[in-house]
PDB file of all heavy atoms in Angstrom:
ATOM      1  N   VAL A   1       0.836  -1.211   0.000  1.00  0.00           N
ATOM      2  CA  VAL A   1       0.000   0.000   0.000  1.00  0.00           C
ATOM      3  C   VAL A   1       0.873   1.265   0.000  1.00  0.00           C
ATOM      4  O   VAL A   1       0.602   2.223   0.727  1.00  0.00           O
ATOM      5  CB  VAL A   1      -0.989   0.009   1.196  1.00  0.00           C
ATOM      6  CG1 VAL A   1      -2.080  -1.018   1.001  1.00  0.00           C
ATOM      7  CG2 VAL A   1      -0.262  -0.221   2.523  1.00  0.00           C
ATOM      8  N   SER A   2       1.902   1.250  -0.831  1.00  0.00           N
ATOM      9  CA  SER A   2       2.821   2.390  -0.869  1.00  0.00           C
ATOM     10  C   SER A   2       2.181   3.652  -1.444  1.00  0.00           C
ATOM     11  O   SER A   2       2.774   4.730  -1.401  1.00  0.00           O
ATOM     12  CB  SER A   2       4.072   2.043  -1.687  1.00  0.00           C
ATOM     13  OG  SER A   2       3.711   1.721  -3.015  1.00  0.00           O
ATOM     14  N   HIS A   3       0.954   3.512  -1.978  1.00  0.00           N
ATOM     15  CA  HIS A   3       0.253   4.676  -2.542  1.00  0.00           C
ATOM     16  C   HIS A   3      -0.420   5.521  -1.459  1.00  0.00           C
ATOM     17  O   HIS A   3      -0.970   6.587  -1.761  1.00  0.00           O
ATOM     18  CB  HIS A   3      -0.815   4.210  -3.533  1.00  0.00           C
ATOM     19  CG  HIS A   3      -1.881   3.362  -2.906  1.00  0.00           C
ATOM     20  ND1 HIS A   3      -1.655   2.054  -2.523  1.00  0.00           N
ATOM     21  CD2 HIS A   3      -3.171   3.634  -2.573  1.00  0.00           C
ATOM     22  CE1 HIS A   3      -2.769   1.566  -1.984  1.00  0.00           C
ATOM     23  NE2 HIS A   3      -3.694   2.505  -2.013  1.00  0.00           N
ATOM     24  N   LEU A   4      -0.371   5.069  -0.216  1.00  0.00           N
ATOM     25  CA  LEU A   4      -1.048   5.796   0.871  1.00  0.00           C
ATOM     26  C   LEU A   4      -0.090   6.784   1.543  1.00  0.00           C
ATOM     27  O   LEU A   4       0.897   6.368   2.155  1.00  0.00           O
ATOM     28  CB  LEU A   4      -1.572   4.821   1.919  1.00  0.00           C
ATOM     29  CG  LEU A   4      -2.624   3.804   1.459  1.00  0.00           C
ATOM     30  CD1 LEU A   4      -2.972   2.857   2.603  1.00  0.00           C
ATOM     31  CD2 LEU A   4      -3.876   4.531   0.976  1.00  0.00           C
ATOM     32  N   PRO A   5      -0.359   8.084   1.464  1.00  0.00           N
ATOM     33  CA  PRO A   5       0.524   9.053   2.130  1.00  0.00           C
ATOM     34  C   PRO A   5       0.587   8.833   3.642  1.00  0.00           C
ATOM     35  O   PRO A   5       1.631   9.046   4.267  1.00  0.00           O
ATOM     36  CB  PRO A   5      -0.088  10.408   1.784  1.00  0.00           C
ATOM     37  CG  PRO A   5      -1.478  10.118   1.316  1.00  0.00           C
ATOM     38  CD  PRO A   5      -1.461   8.743   0.743  1.00  0.00           C
ATOM     39  N   TYR A   6      -0.522   8.391   4.223  1.00  0.00           N
ATOM     40  CA  TYR A   6      -0.566   8.148   5.677  1.00  0.00           C
ATOM     41  C   TYR A   6       0.510   7.151   6.095  1.00  0.00           C
ATOM     42  O   TYR A   6       1.144   7.301   7.145  1.00  0.00           O
ATOM     43  CB  TYR A   6      -1.950   7.628   6.057  1.00  0.00           C
ATOM     44  CG  TYR A   6      -2.091   7.200   7.492  1.00  0.00           C
ATOM     45  CD1 TYR A   6      -2.239   8.146   8.508  1.00  0.00           C
ATOM     46  CD2 TYR A   6      -2.074   5.853   7.853  1.00  0.00           C
ATOM     47  CE1 TYR A   6      -2.358   7.756   9.834  1.00  0.00           C
ATOM     48  CE2 TYR A   6      -2.204   5.453   9.166  1.00  0.00           C
ATOM     49  CZ  TYR A   6      -2.348   6.410  10.150  1.00  0.00           C
ATOM     50  OH  TYR A   6      -2.468   6.022  11.460  1.00  0.00           O
ATOM     51  N   LEU A   7       0.722   6.105   5.281  1.00  0.00           N
ATOM     52  CA  LEU A   7       1.739   5.104   5.592  1.00  0.00           C
ATOM     53  C   LEU A   7       3.111   5.747   5.684  1.00  0.00           C
ATOM     54  O   LEU A   7       3.867   5.513   6.647  1.00  0.00           O
ATOM     55  CB  LEU A   7       1.736   4.017   4.515  1.00  0.00           C
ATOM     56  CG  LEU A   7       2.941   3.065   4.509  1.00  0.00           C
ATOM     57  CD1 LEU A   7       2.938   2.197   5.764  1.00  0.00           C
ATOM     58  CD2 LEU A   7       2.954   2.205   3.264  1.00  0.00           C
ATOM     59  N   HIS A   8       3.466   6.577   4.713  1.00  0.00           N
ATOM     60  CA  HIS A   8       4.795   7.192   4.702  1.00  0.00           C
ATOM     61  C   HIS A   8       4.956   8.185   5.850  1.00  0.00           C
ATOM     62  O   HIS A   8       6.063   8.329   6.395  1.00  0.00           O
ATOM     63  CB  HIS A   8       5.034   7.864   3.354  1.00  0.00           C
ATOM     64  CG  HIS A   8       5.013   6.901   2.208  1.00  0.00           C
ATOM     65  ND1 HIS A   8       5.960   5.907   2.051  1.00  0.00           N
ATOM     66  CD2 HIS A   8       4.130   6.739   1.189  1.00  0.00           C
ATOM     67  CE1 HIS A   8       5.683   5.194   0.977  1.00  0.00           C
ATOM     68  NE2 HIS A   8       4.571   5.672   0.438  1.00  0.00           N
ATOM     69  N   ILE A   9       3.865   8.827   6.235  1.00  0.00           N
ATOM     70  CA  ILE A   9       3.922   9.724   7.402  1.00  0.00           C
ATOM     71  C   ILE A   9       4.230   8.929   8.658  1.00  0.00           C
ATOM     72  O   ILE A   9       5.066   9.329   9.489  1.00  0.00           O
ATOM     73  CB  ILE A   9       2.604  10.514   7.545  1.00  0.00           C
ATOM     74  CG1 ILE A   9       2.494  11.559   6.430  1.00  0.00           C
ATOM     75  CG2 ILE A   9       2.518  11.185   8.916  1.00  0.00           C
ATOM     76  CD1 ILE A   9       1.148  12.251   6.362  1.00  0.00           C
ATOM     77  N   GLN A  10       3.581   7.774   8.818  1.00  0.00           N
ATOM     78  CA  GLN A  10       3.849   6.936   9.987  1.00  0.00           C
ATOM     79  C   GLN A  10       5.297   6.445   9.984  1.00  0.00           C
ATOM     80  O   GLN A  10       5.952   6.421  11.038  1.00  0.00           O
ATOM     81  CB  GLN A  10       2.885   5.743  10.010  1.00  0.00           C
ATOM     82  CG  GLN A  10       1.426   6.111  10.191  1.00  0.00           C
ATOM     83  CD  GLN A  10       1.180   6.930  11.436  1.00  0.00           C
ATOM     84  OE1 GLN A  10       1.478   6.502  12.546  1.00  0.00           O
ATOM     85  NE2 GLN A  10       0.632   8.120  11.264  1.00  0.00           N
ATOM     86  N   ILE A  11       5.799   6.065   8.830  1.00  0.00           N
ATOM     87  CA  ILE A  11       7.200   5.639   8.733  1.00  0.00           C
ATOM     88  C   ILE A  11       8.123   6.804   9.077  1.00  0.00           C
ATOM     89  O   ILE A  11       9.129   6.637   9.782  1.00  0.00           O
ATOM     90  CB  ILE A  11       7.499   5.089   7.324  1.00  0.00           C
ATOM     91  CG1 ILE A  11       6.751   3.765   7.111  1.00  0.00           C
ATOM     92  CG2 ILE A  11       8.997   4.887   7.127  1.00  0.00           C
ATOM     93  CD1 ILE A  11       6.853   3.211   5.705  1.00  0.00           C
ATOM     94  N   GLY A  12       7.766   7.992   8.601  1.00  0.00           N
ATOM     95  CA  GLY A  12       8.550   9.177   8.939  1.00  0.00           C
ATOM     96  C   GLY A  12       8.585   9.440  10.436  1.00  0.00           C
ATOM     97  O   GLY A  12       9.638   9.780  11.003  1.00  0.00           O
ATOM     98  N   ILE A  13       7.451   9.263  11.089  1.00  0.00           N
ATOM     99  CA  ILE A  13       7.395   9.461  12.544  1.00  0.00           C
ATOM    100  C   ILE A  13       8.300   8.465  13.259  1.00  0.00           C
ATOM    101  O   ILE A  13       9.016   8.816  14.210  1.00  0.00           O
ATOM    102  CB  ILE A  13       5.938   9.337  13.048  1.00  0.00           C
ATOM    103  CG1 ILE A  13       5.090  10.492  12.524  1.00  0.00           C
ATOM    104  CG2 ILE A  13       5.889   9.302  14.572  1.00  0.00           C
ATOM    105  CD1 ILE A  13       3.596  10.330  12.768  1.00  0.00           C
ATOM    106  N   VAL A  14       8.277   7.210  12.794  1.00  0.00           N
ATOM    107  CA  VAL A  14       9.134   6.182  13.408  1.00  0.00           C
ATOM    108  C   VAL A  14      10.604   6.564  13.277  1.00  0.00           C
ATOM    109  O   VAL A  14      11.357   6.569  14.260  1.00  0.00           O
ATOM    110  CB  VAL A  14       8.898   4.804  12.753  1.00  0.00           C
ATOM    111  CG1 VAL A  14       9.970   3.817  13.195  1.00  0.00           C
ATOM    112  CG2 VAL A  14       7.529   4.261  13.123  1.00  0.00           C
ATOM    113  N   TYR A  15      11.026   6.893  12.059  1.00  0.00           N
ATOM    114  CA  TYR A  15      12.430   7.240  11.843  1.00  0.00           C
ATOM    115  C   TYR A  15      12.826   8.477  12.649  1.00  0.00           C
ATOM    116  O   TYR A  15      13.943   8.547  13.180  1.00  0.00           O
ATOM    117  CB  TYR A  15      12.699   7.478  10.354  1.00  0.00           C
ATOM    118  CG  TYR A  15      12.853   6.213   9.544  1.00  0.00           C
ATOM    119  CD1 TYR A  15      12.192   6.053   8.324  1.00  0.00           C
ATOM    120  CD2 TYR A  15      13.676   5.172   9.979  1.00  0.00           C
ATOM    121  CE1 TYR A  15      12.340   4.900   7.572  1.00  0.00           C
ATOM    122  CE2 TYR A  15      13.829   4.015   9.232  1.00  0.00           C
ATOM    123  CZ  TYR A  15      13.158   3.883   8.032  1.00  0.00           C
ATOM    124  OH  TYR A  15      13.308   2.730   7.287  1.00  0.00           O
ATOM    125  N   TYR A  16      11.907   9.421  12.750  1.00  0.00           N
ATOM    126  CA  TYR A  16      12.200  10.620  13.543  1.00  0.00           C
ATOM    127  C   TYR A  16      12.400  10.255  15.014  1.00  0.00           C
ATOM    128  O   TYR A  16      13.317  10.761  15.668  1.00  0.00           O
ATOM    129  CB  TYR A  16      11.069  11.639  13.388  1.00  0.00           C
ATOM    130  CG  TYR A  16      11.344  12.939  14.107  1.00  0.00           C
ATOM    131  CD1 TYR A  16      12.130  13.920  13.516  1.00  0.00           C
ATOM    132  CD2 TYR A  16      10.832  13.179  15.372  1.00  0.00           C
ATOM    133  CE1 TYR A  16      12.404  15.109  14.173  1.00  0.00           C
ATOM    134  CE2 TYR A  16      11.100  14.356  16.036  1.00  0.00           C
ATOM    135  CZ  TYR A  16      11.883  15.322  15.440  1.00  0.00           C
ATOM    136  OH  TYR A  16      12.154  16.493  16.103  1.00  0.00           O
ATOM    137  N   LYS A  17      11.555   9.360  15.513  1.00  0.00           N
ATOM    138  CA  LYS A  17      11.647   8.964  16.924  1.00  0.00           C
ATOM    139  C   LYS A  17      12.972   8.281  17.247  1.00  0.00           C
ATOM    140  O   LYS A  17      13.473   8.389  18.360  1.00  0.00           O
ATOM    141  CB  LYS A  17      10.482   8.038  17.289  1.00  0.00           C
ATOM    142  CG  LYS A  17       9.190   8.743  17.629  1.00  0.00           C
ATOM    143  CD  LYS A  17       8.116   7.755  18.030  1.00  0.00           C
ATOM    144  CE  LYS A  17       6.872   8.464  18.539  1.00  0.00           C
ATOM    145  NZ  LYS A  17       7.045   9.043  19.873  1.00  0.00           N
ATOM    146  N   ILE A  18      13.520   7.554  16.251  1.00  0.00           N
ATOM    147  CA  ILE A  18      14.781   6.852  16.513  1.00  0.00           C
ATOM    148  C   ILE A  18      15.982   7.626  15.940  1.00  0.00           C
ATOM    149  O   ILE A  18      17.067   7.081  15.760  1.00  0.00           O
ATOM    150  CB  ILE A  18      14.750   5.408  15.975  1.00  0.00           C
ATOM    151  CG1 ILE A  18      14.494   5.360  14.468  1.00  0.00           C
ATOM    152  CG2 ILE A  18      13.684   4.599  16.703  1.00  0.00           C
ATOM    153  CD1 ILE A  18      14.505   3.949  13.879  1.00  0.00           C
ATOM    154  N   HIS A  19      15.739   8.914  15.668  1.00  0.00           N
ATOM    155  CA  HIS A  19      16.793   9.862  15.286  1.00  0.00           C
ATOM    156  C   HIS A  19      17.469   9.524  13.956  1.00  0.00           C
ATOM    157  O   HIS A  19      18.641   9.847  13.757  1.00  0.00           O
ATOM    158  CB  HIS A  19      17.855   9.971  16.390  1.00  0.00           C
ATOM    159  CG  HIS A  19      17.311  10.492  17.678  1.00  0.00           C
ATOM    160  ND1 HIS A  19      18.091  10.666  18.795  1.00  0.00           N
ATOM    161  CD2 HIS A  19      16.047  10.859  18.041  1.00  0.00           C
ATOM    162  CE1 HIS A  19      17.341  11.128  19.791  1.00  0.00           C
ATOM    163  NE2 HIS A  19      16.107  11.247  19.341  1.00  0.00           N
ATOM    164  N   ARG A  20      16.715   8.915  13.054  1.00  0.00           N
ATOM    165  CA  ARG A  20      17.233   8.676  11.706  1.00  0.00           C
ATOM    166  C   ARG A  20      16.646   9.751  10.790  1.00  0.00           C
ATOM    167  O   ARG A  20      15.687   9.535  10.051  1.00  0.00           O
ATOM    168  CB  ARG A  20      16.890   7.254  11.242  1.00  0.00           C
ATOM    169  CG  ARG A  20      17.689   6.200  11.996  1.00  0.00           C
ATOM    170  CD  ARG A  20      17.233   4.773  11.738  1.00  0.00           C
ATOM    171  NE  ARG A  20      17.247   4.386  10.329  1.00  0.00           N
ATOM    172  CZ  ARG A  20      16.969   3.161   9.904  1.00  0.00           C
ATOM    173  NH1 ARG A  20      16.666   2.201  10.784  1.00  0.00           N
ATOM    174  NH2 ARG A  20      16.994   2.870   8.613  1.00  0.00           N
ATOM    175  N   TRP A  21      17.217  10.963  10.919  1.00  0.00           N
ATOM    176  CA  TRP A  21      16.632  12.141  10.304  1.00  0.00           C
ATOM    177  C   TRP A  21      16.514  12.017   8.781  1.00  0.00           C
ATOM    178  O   TRP A  21      15.494  12.413   8.202  1.00  0.00           O
ATOM    179  CB  TRP A  21      17.458  13.393  10.643  1.00  0.00           C
ATOM    180  CG  TRP A  21      17.926  13.515  12.048  1.00  0.00           C
ATOM    181  CD1 TRP A  21      19.214  13.704  12.472  1.00  0.00           C
ATOM    182  CD2 TRP A  21      17.138  13.485  13.247  1.00  0.00           C
ATOM    183  NE1 TRP A  21      19.269  13.788  13.839  1.00  0.00           N
ATOM    184  CE2 TRP A  21      18.011  13.656  14.346  1.00  0.00           C
ATOM    185  CE3 TRP A  21      15.767  13.319  13.505  1.00  0.00           C
ATOM    186  CZ2 TRP A  21      17.581  13.673  15.660  1.00  0.00           C
ATOM    187  CZ3 TRP A  21      15.334  13.325  14.826  1.00  0.00           C
ATOM    188  CH2 TRP A  21      16.224  13.505  15.889  1.00  0.00           C
ATOM    189  N   GLU A  22      17.556  11.511   8.123  1.00  0.00           N
ATOM    190  CA  GLU A  22      17.524  11.443   6.659  1.00  0.00           C
ATOM    191  C   GLU A  22      16.486  10.442   6.160  1.00  0.00           C
ATOM    192  O   GLU A  22      15.811  10.689   5.158  1.00  0.00           O
ATOM    193  CB  GLU A  22      18.911  11.097   6.128  1.00  0.00           C
ATOM    194  CG  GLU A  22      19.939  12.216   6.336  1.00  0.00           C
ATOM    195  CD  GLU A  22      21.294  11.861   5.775  1.00  0.00           C
ATOM    196  OE1 GLU A  22      21.444  10.739   5.223  1.00  0.00           O
ATOM    197  OE2 GLU A  22      22.214  12.695   5.884  1.00  0.00           O
ATOM    198  N   ASP A  23      16.365   9.314   6.851  1.00  0.00           N
ATOM    199  CA  ASP A  23      15.336   8.337   6.477  1.00  0.00           C
ATOM    200  C   ASP A  23      13.945   8.923   6.691  1.00  0.00           C
ATOM    201  O   ASP A  23      13.040   8.712   5.876  1.00  0.00           O
ATOM    202  CB  ASP A  23      15.496   7.055   7.306  1.00  0.00           C
ATOM    203  CG  ASP A  23      16.711   6.246   6.885  1.00  0.00           C
ATOM    204  OD1 ASP A  23      17.058   6.271   5.685  1.00  0.00           O
ATOM    205  OD2 ASP A  23      17.324   5.594   7.746  1.00  0.00           O
ATOM    206  N   ALA A  24      13.787   9.662   7.784  1.00  0.00           N
ATOM    207  CA  ALA A  24      12.496  10.312   8.048  1.00  0.00           C
ATOM    208  C   ALA A  24      12.184  11.338   6.966  1.00  0.00           C
ATOM    209  O   ALA A  24      11.046  11.427   6.473  1.00  0.00           O
ATOM    210  CB  ALA A  24      12.521  10.981   9.421  1.00  0.00           C
ATOM    211  N   GLU A  25      13.204  12.096   6.574  1.00  0.00           N
ATOM    212  CA  GLU A  25      13.034  13.092   5.508  1.00  0.00           C
ATOM    213  C   GLU A  25      12.535  12.432   4.224  1.00  0.00           C
ATOM    214  O   GLU A  25      11.591  12.915   3.584  1.00  0.00           O
ATOM    215  CB  GLU A  25      14.373  13.794   5.260  1.00  0.00           C
ATOM    216  CG  GLU A  25      14.364  14.792   4.126  1.00  0.00           C
ATOM    217  CD  GLU A  25      15.757  15.327   3.815  1.00  0.00           C
ATOM    218  OE1 GLU A  25      16.641  15.295   4.713  1.00  0.00           O
ATOM    219  OE2 GLU A  25      15.961  15.766   2.668  1.00  0.00           O
ATOM    220  N   ARG A  26      13.154  11.304   3.851  1.00  0.00           N
ATOM    221  CA  ARG A  26      12.741  10.605   2.636  1.00  0.00           C
ATOM    222  C   ARG A  26      11.294  10.122   2.726  1.00  0.00           C
ATOM    223  O   ARG A  26      10.541  10.180   1.748  1.00  0.00           O
ATOM    224  CB  ARG A  26      13.685   9.430   2.359  1.00  0.00           C
ATOM    225  CG  ARG A  26      14.984   9.832   1.688  1.00  0.00           C
ATOM    226  CD  ARG A  26      15.749   8.623   1.200  1.00  0.00           C
ATOM    227  NE  ARG A  26      16.328   7.888   2.321  1.00  0.00           N
ATOM    228  CZ  ARG A  26      17.520   8.136   2.836  1.00  0.00           C
ATOM    229  NH1 ARG A  26      18.268   9.106   2.341  1.00  0.00           N
ATOM    230  NH2 ARG A  26      17.985   7.419   3.845  1.00  0.00           N
ATOM    231  N   ALA A  27      10.913   9.654   3.905  1.00  0.00           N
ATOM    232  CA  ALA A  27       9.542   9.167   4.081  1.00  0.00           C
ATOM    233  C   ALA A  27       8.531  10.302   3.920  1.00  0.00           C
ATOM    234  O   ALA A  27       7.503  10.142   3.241  1.00  0.00           O
ATOM    235  CB  ALA A  27       9.394   8.516   5.457  1.00  0.00           C
ATOM    236  N   TYR A  28       8.824  11.451   4.510  1.00  0.00           N
ATOM    237  CA  TYR A  28       7.909  12.591   4.378  1.00  0.00           C
ATOM    238  C   TYR A  28       7.849  13.112   2.944  1.00  0.00           C
ATOM    239  O   TYR A  28       6.782  13.522   2.470  1.00  0.00           O
ATOM    240  CB  TYR A  28       8.307  13.709   5.336  1.00  0.00           C
ATOM    241  CG  TYR A  28       7.969  13.416   6.773  1.00  0.00           C
ATOM    242  CD1 TYR A  28       8.961  13.371   7.753  1.00  0.00           C
ATOM    243  CD2 TYR A  28       6.657  13.179   7.167  1.00  0.00           C
ATOM    244  CE1 TYR A  28       8.655  13.094   9.078  1.00  0.00           C
ATOM    245  CE2 TYR A  28       6.344  12.901   8.483  1.00  0.00           C
ATOM    246  CZ  TYR A  28       7.347  12.859   9.437  1.00  0.00           C
ATOM    247  OH  TYR A  28       7.033  12.583  10.752  1.00  0.00           O
ATOM    248  N   LEU A  29       8.975  13.072   2.250  1.00  0.00           N
ATOM    249  CA  LEU A  29       8.975  13.493   0.847  1.00  0.00           C
ATOM    250  C   LEU A  29       8.134  12.541  -0.007  1.00  0.00           C
ATOM    251  O   LEU A  29       7.460  12.969  -0.951  1.00  0.00           O
ATOM    252  CB  LEU A  29      10.412  13.566   0.319  1.00  0.00           C
ATOM    253  CG  LEU A  29      11.235  14.764   0.818  1.00  0.00           C
ATOM    254  CD1 LEU A  29      12.698  14.610   0.411  1.00  0.00           C
ATOM    255  CD2 LEU A  29      10.670  16.085   0.290  1.00  0.00           C
ATOM    256  N   LYS A  30       8.157  11.248   0.328  1.00  0.00           N
ATOM    257  CA  LYS A  30       7.304  10.289  -0.375  1.00  0.00           C
ATOM    258  C   LYS A  30       5.830  10.626  -0.150  1.00  0.00           C
ATOM    259  O   LYS A  30       5.021  10.563  -1.080  1.00  0.00           O
ATOM    260  CB  LYS A  30       7.592   8.865   0.108  1.00  0.00           C
ATOM    261  CG  LYS A  30       8.866   8.262  -0.428  1.00  0.00           C
ATOM    262  CD  LYS A  30       9.029   6.824   0.077  1.00  0.00           C
ATOM    263  CE  LYS A  30      10.319   6.194  -0.409  1.00  0.00           C
ATOM    264  NZ  LYS A  30      10.471   4.805   0.097  1.00  0.00           N
ATOM    265  N   ALA A  31       5.503  10.964   1.085  1.00  0.00           N
ATOM    266  CA  ALA A  31       4.118  11.328   1.403  1.00  0.00           C
ATOM    267  C   ALA A  31       3.691  12.554   0.603  1.00  0.00           C
ATOM    268  O   ALA A  31       2.586  12.603   0.044  1.00  0.00           O
ATOM    269  CB  ALA A  31       3.963  11.584   2.899  1.00  0.00           C
ATOM    270  N   LEU A  32       4.577  13.536   0.507  1.00  0.00           N
ATOM    271  CA  LEU A  32       4.247  14.772  -0.199  1.00  0.00           C
ATOM    272  C   LEU A  32       4.198  14.568  -1.713  1.00  0.00           C
ATOM    273  O   LEU A  32       3.485  15.292  -2.419  1.00  0.00           O
ATOM    274  CB  LEU A  32       5.261  15.863   0.158  1.00  0.00           C
ATOM    275  CG  LEU A  32       5.092  16.423   1.574  1.00  0.00           C
ATOM    276  CD1 LEU A  32       6.311  17.224   1.985  1.00  0.00           C
ATOM    277  CD2 LEU A  32       3.833  17.269   1.671  1.00  0.00           C
ATOM    278  N   ALA A  33       4.937  13.586  -2.208  1.00  0.00           N
ATOM    279  CA  ALA A  33       4.871  13.280  -3.644  1.00  0.00           C
ATOM    280  C   ALA A  33       3.500  12.727  -4.013  1.00  0.00           C
ATOM    281  O   ALA A  33       3.039  12.878  -5.139  1.00  0.00           O
ATOM    282  CB  ALA A  33       5.959  12.277  -4.012  1.00  0.00           C
ATOM    283  N   ILE A  34       2.833  12.121  -3.025  1.00  0.00           N
ATOM    284  CA  ILE A  34       1.490  11.569  -3.244  1.00  0.00           C
ATOM    285  C   ILE A  34       0.424  12.622  -2.942  1.00  0.00           C
ATOM    286  O   ILE A  34      -0.560  12.755  -3.652  1.00  0.00           O
ATOM    287  CB  ILE A  34       1.282  10.322  -2.366  1.00  0.00           C
ATOM    288  CG1 ILE A  34       2.320   9.251  -2.709  1.00  0.00           C
ATOM    289  CG2 ILE A  34      -0.138   9.756  -2.531  1.00  0.00           C
ATOM    290  CD1 ILE A  34       2.417   8.136  -1.679  1.00  0.00           C
ATOM    291  N   ASP A  35       0.638  13.361  -1.854  1.00  0.00           N
ATOM    292  CA  ASP A  35      -0.332  14.384  -1.435  1.00  0.00           C
ATOM    293  C   ASP A  35       0.421  15.655  -1.086  1.00  0.00           C
ATOM    294  O   ASP A  35       0.946  15.795   0.021  1.00  0.00           O
ATOM    295  CB  ASP A  35      -1.142  13.888  -0.227  1.00  0.00           C
ATOM    296  CG  ASP A  35      -2.141  14.926   0.255  1.00  0.00           C
ATOM    297  OD1 ASP A  35      -2.330  15.956  -0.431  1.00  0.00           O
ATOM    298  OD2 ASP A  35      -2.737  14.719   1.347  1.00  0.00           O
ATOM    299  N   GLU A  36       0.480  16.570  -2.013  1.00  0.00           N
ATOM    300  CA  GLU A  36       1.240  17.804  -1.817  1.00  0.00           C
ATOM    301  C   GLU A  36       0.538  18.780  -0.882  1.00  0.00           C
ATOM    302  O   GLU A  36       1.099  19.838  -0.563  1.00  0.00           O
ATOM    303  CB  GLU A  36       1.493  18.474  -3.164  1.00  0.00           C
ATOM    304  CG  GLU A  36       0.231  18.896  -3.887  1.00  0.00           C
ATOM    305  CD  GLU A  36       0.496  19.504  -5.253  1.00  0.00           C
ATOM    306  OE1 GLU A  36       1.645  19.459  -5.703  1.00  0.00           O
ATOM    307  OE2 GLU A  36      -0.464  20.037  -5.859  1.00  0.00           O
ATOM    308  N   ASN A  37      -0.653  18.443  -0.435  1.00  0.00           N
ATOM    309  CA  ASN A  37      -1.405  19.318   0.468  1.00  0.00           C
ATOM    310  C   ASN A  37      -1.473  18.764   1.887  1.00  0.00           C
ATOM    311  O   ASN A  37      -2.394  19.095   2.641  1.00  0.00           O
ATOM    312  CB  ASN A  37      -2.820  19.532  -0.068  1.00  0.00           C
ATOM    313  CG  ASN A  37      -2.822  20.305  -1.370  1.00  0.00           C
ATOM    314  OD1 ASN A  37      -2.121  21.310  -1.508  1.00  0.00           O
ATOM    315  ND2 ASN A  37      -3.582  19.833  -2.341  1.00  0.00           N
TER     316      ASN A  37
END
C-alpha cells in the first residue's frame, strides 16, 4: 500500500523517533509526492 501518504507519514514518525533524520526526511517526501497538500 505504498500509494497511501498516511503510511509514509507513519514511517517518517518512526524514523524521527529513533533519530534517523535522513530516512524520516525521505519518508515525508514520499508522502508529499502523493499528497502535496
